[in-house]
Every structure is written in structure tokens, then in C-alpha cells.
Amino acid sequence: MNGVPTSSTTGDFCGHCGEPDDGSDAPTSGVHGRCGERLALEPPRYCAACRRRMKVQVTPLGWTAECSRHGTTEMRMRP
């Protein structure tokens, strides 16, 4: 894999659940604490910049997640 895209891991909102991200390492709740673990395995579902739900497409070689305002984020596995 090429690495985790920054738009799902940095920003004002969580890329998995869409809740506000306070920027610290400590989770805001018990449920939100698992989001980082899930984002390591799954594509982001929410835009970290604006909290909009993203259009996600998963393929055998990776995934793409598209925000209507902030563009596309993708992860591709190397063959």
C-alpha cells in the first residue's frame, strides 16, 4: 500500500464517524476511540475538512473516496 491519505486522518472531523476531532490523541468518547483503528483498515466515510458524507468505491486494488467539495482521496495497493 502507498500509505494512509492525510485527508482522512487530519482535519476538523473524524473520517470514520464524522464527529468533531479535538486534535488530541485522547478520544472524545469510547466509540470515537476505535475510529483510528478502523480507518487503518477501511476507507474514510466522511470528509475530514467539512464533515460531508463521501462517495466511496472499493476495488480489489484499493479504494477511492470523493468529497463533492474537496475532491478525491485514494489508496492503491501495489501489484
C-alpha atoms as a PDB file:
ATOM      1  CA  MET A   1       0.000   0.000   0.000  1.00  0.00           C
ATOM      2  CA  ASN A   2       1.110   3.536  -0.658  1.00  0.00           C
ATOM      3  CA  GLY A   3       0.132   4.836   2.773  1.00  0.00           C
ATOM      4  CA  VAL A   4      -2.822   6.361   4.559  1.00  0.00           C
ATOM      5  CA  PRO A   5      -4.133   9.518   2.915  1.00  0.00           C
ATOM      6  CA  THR A   6      -3.832  12.633   5.009  1.00  0.00           C
ATOM      7  CA  SER A   7      -7.342  13.906   4.360  1.00  0.00           C
ATOM      8  CA  SER A   8      -8.843  11.029   6.341  1.00  0.00           C
ATOM      9  CA  THR A   9      -6.510  11.442   9.289  1.00  0.00           C
ATOM     10  CA  THR A  10      -6.137  15.204   9.564  1.00  0.00           C
ATOM     11  CA  GLY A  11      -8.810  17.875   9.724  1.00  0.00           C
ATOM     12  CA  ASP A  12     -11.587  19.105  11.925  1.00  0.00           C
ATOM     13  CA  PHE A  13     -13.700  15.946  11.731  1.00  0.00           C
ATOM     14  CA  CYS A  14     -13.199  12.192  12.032  1.00  0.00           C
ATOM     15  CA  GLY A  15     -13.030  10.442   8.654  1.00  0.00           C
ATOM     16  CA  HIS A  16     -14.843   7.390  10.009  1.00  0.00           C
ATOM     17  CA  CYS A  17     -17.750   8.699  12.111  1.00  0.00           C
ATOM     18  CA  GLY A  18     -17.868  12.390  11.145  1.00  0.00           C
ATOM     19  CA  GLU A  19     -17.775  13.642  14.728  1.00  0.00           C
ATOM     20  CA  PRO A  20     -15.633  16.683  15.603  1.00  0.00           C
ATOM     21  CA  ASP A  21     -11.965  15.873  16.160  1.00  0.00           C
ATOM     22  CA  ASP A  22     -10.369  17.779  19.035  1.00  0.00           C
ATOM     23  CA  GLY A  23      -6.858  17.207  17.658  1.00  0.00           C
ATOM     24  CA  SER A  24      -5.531  15.358  20.696  1.00  0.00           C
ATOM     25  CA  ASP A  25      -4.505  11.717  20.977  1.00  0.00           C
ATOM     26  CA  ALA A  26      -7.185  11.088  23.595  1.00  0.00           C
ATOM     27  CA  PRO A  27     -10.543  10.036  22.102  1.00  0.00           C
ATOM     28  CA  THR A  28     -13.577  12.254  22.652  1.00  0.00           C
ATOM     29  CA  SER A  29     -15.635   9.167  23.547  1.00  0.00           C
ATOM     30  CA  GLY A  30     -15.274   5.408  23.787  1.00  0.00           C
ATOM     31  CA  VAL A  31     -16.900   4.928  20.397  1.00  0.00           C
ATOM     32  CA  HIS A  32     -14.711   7.555  18.712  1.00  0.00           C
ATOM     33  CA  GLY A  33     -11.564   5.929  20.110  1.00  0.00           C
ATOM     34  CA  ARG A  34     -11.990   2.968  17.744  1.00  0.00           C
ATOM     35  CA  CYS A  35     -12.257   5.184  14.666  1.00  0.00           C
ATOM     36  CA  GLY A  36      -8.486   5.424  14.217  1.00  0.00           C
ATOM     37  CA  GLU A  37      -8.202   1.647  14.250  1.00  0.00           C
ATOM     38  CA  ARG A  38     -10.986   1.308  11.700  1.00  0.00           C
ATOM     39  CA  LEU A  39      -9.512   3.977   9.411  1.00  0.00           C
ATOM     40  CA  ALA A  40      -6.320   1.914   9.229  1.00  0.00           C
ATOM     41  CA  LEU A  41      -8.351  -0.889   7.604  1.00  0.00           C
ATOM     42  CA  GLU A  42     -11.299   0.884   5.934  1.00  0.00           C
ATOM     43  CA  PRO A  43     -11.687   3.927   3.687  1.00  0.00           C
ATOM     44  CA  PRO A  44     -12.932   7.154   5.271  1.00  0.00           C
ATOM     45  CA  ARG A  45     -16.688   7.708   5.077  1.00  0.00           C
ATOM     46  CA  TYR A  46     -16.742  11.415   5.975  1.00  0.00           C
ATOM     47  CA  CYS A  47     -14.633  14.312   4.723  1.00  0.00           C
ATOM     48  CA  ALA A  48     -12.253  15.407   7.477  1.00  0.00           C
ATOM     49  CA  ALA A  49     -12.438  19.028   6.296  1.00  0.00           C
ATOM     50  CA  CYS A  50     -16.206  19.569   6.013  1.00  0.00           C
ATOM     51  CA  ARG A  51     -17.961  16.504   7.516  1.00  0.00           C
ATOM     52  CA  ARG A  52     -19.822  15.704   4.302  1.00  0.00           C
ATOM     53  CA  ARG A  53     -20.543  12.064   3.542  1.00  0.00           C
ATOM     54  CA  MET A  54     -18.203  10.881   0.794  1.00  0.00           C
ATOM     55  CA  LYS A  55     -18.833   8.645  -2.197  1.00  0.00           C
ATOM     56  CA  VAL A  56     -16.630   5.582  -1.579  1.00  0.00           C
ATOM     57  CA  GLN A  57     -15.676   2.917  -4.104  1.00  0.00           C
ATOM     58  CA  VAL A  58     -13.718  -0.166  -3.042  1.00  0.00           C
ATOM     59  CA  THR A  59     -11.881  -2.264  -5.641  1.00  0.00           C
ATOM     60  CA  PRO A  60      -9.586  -5.289  -5.337  1.00  0.00           C
ATOM     61  CA  LEU A  61      -6.582  -2.958  -5.704  1.00  0.00           C
ATOM     62  CA  GLY A  62      -7.605  -0.229  -3.238  1.00  0.00           C
ATOM     63  CA  TRP A  63     -10.277   2.413  -2.755  1.00  0.00           C
ATOM     64  CA  THR A  64     -11.299   5.968  -3.641  1.00  0.00           C
ATOM     65  CA  ALA A  65     -13.332   8.382  -1.519  1.00  0.00           C
ATOM     66  CA  GLU A  66     -14.733  11.533  -3.122  1.00  0.00           C
ATOM     67  CA  CYS A  67     -15.980  14.670  -1.358  1.00  0.00           C
ATOM     68  CA  SER A  68     -18.141  16.923  -3.524  1.00  0.00           C
ATOM     69  CA  ARG A  69     -16.249  19.974  -2.206  1.00  0.00           C
ATOM     70  CA  HIS A  70     -12.692  18.753  -1.528  1.00  0.00           C
ATOM     71  CA  GLY A  71     -12.014  16.202  -4.254  1.00  0.00           C
ATOM     72  CA  THR A  72     -10.796  12.630  -4.245  1.00  0.00           C
ATOM     73  CA  THR A  73      -8.625  10.688  -1.829  1.00  0.00           C
ATOM     74  CA  GLU A  74      -7.381   7.263  -2.814  1.00  0.00           C
ATOM     75  CA  MET A  75      -5.268   4.355  -1.692  1.00  0.00           C
ATOM     76  CA  ARG A  76      -3.878   1.833  -4.138  1.00  0.00           C
ATOM     77  CA  MET A  77      -2.128  -1.422  -3.341  1.00  0.00           C
ATOM     78  CA  ARG A  78       0.999  -2.164  -5.305  1.00  0.00           C
ATOM     79  CA  PRO A  79       0.635  -5.232  -7.549  1.00  0.00           C
END
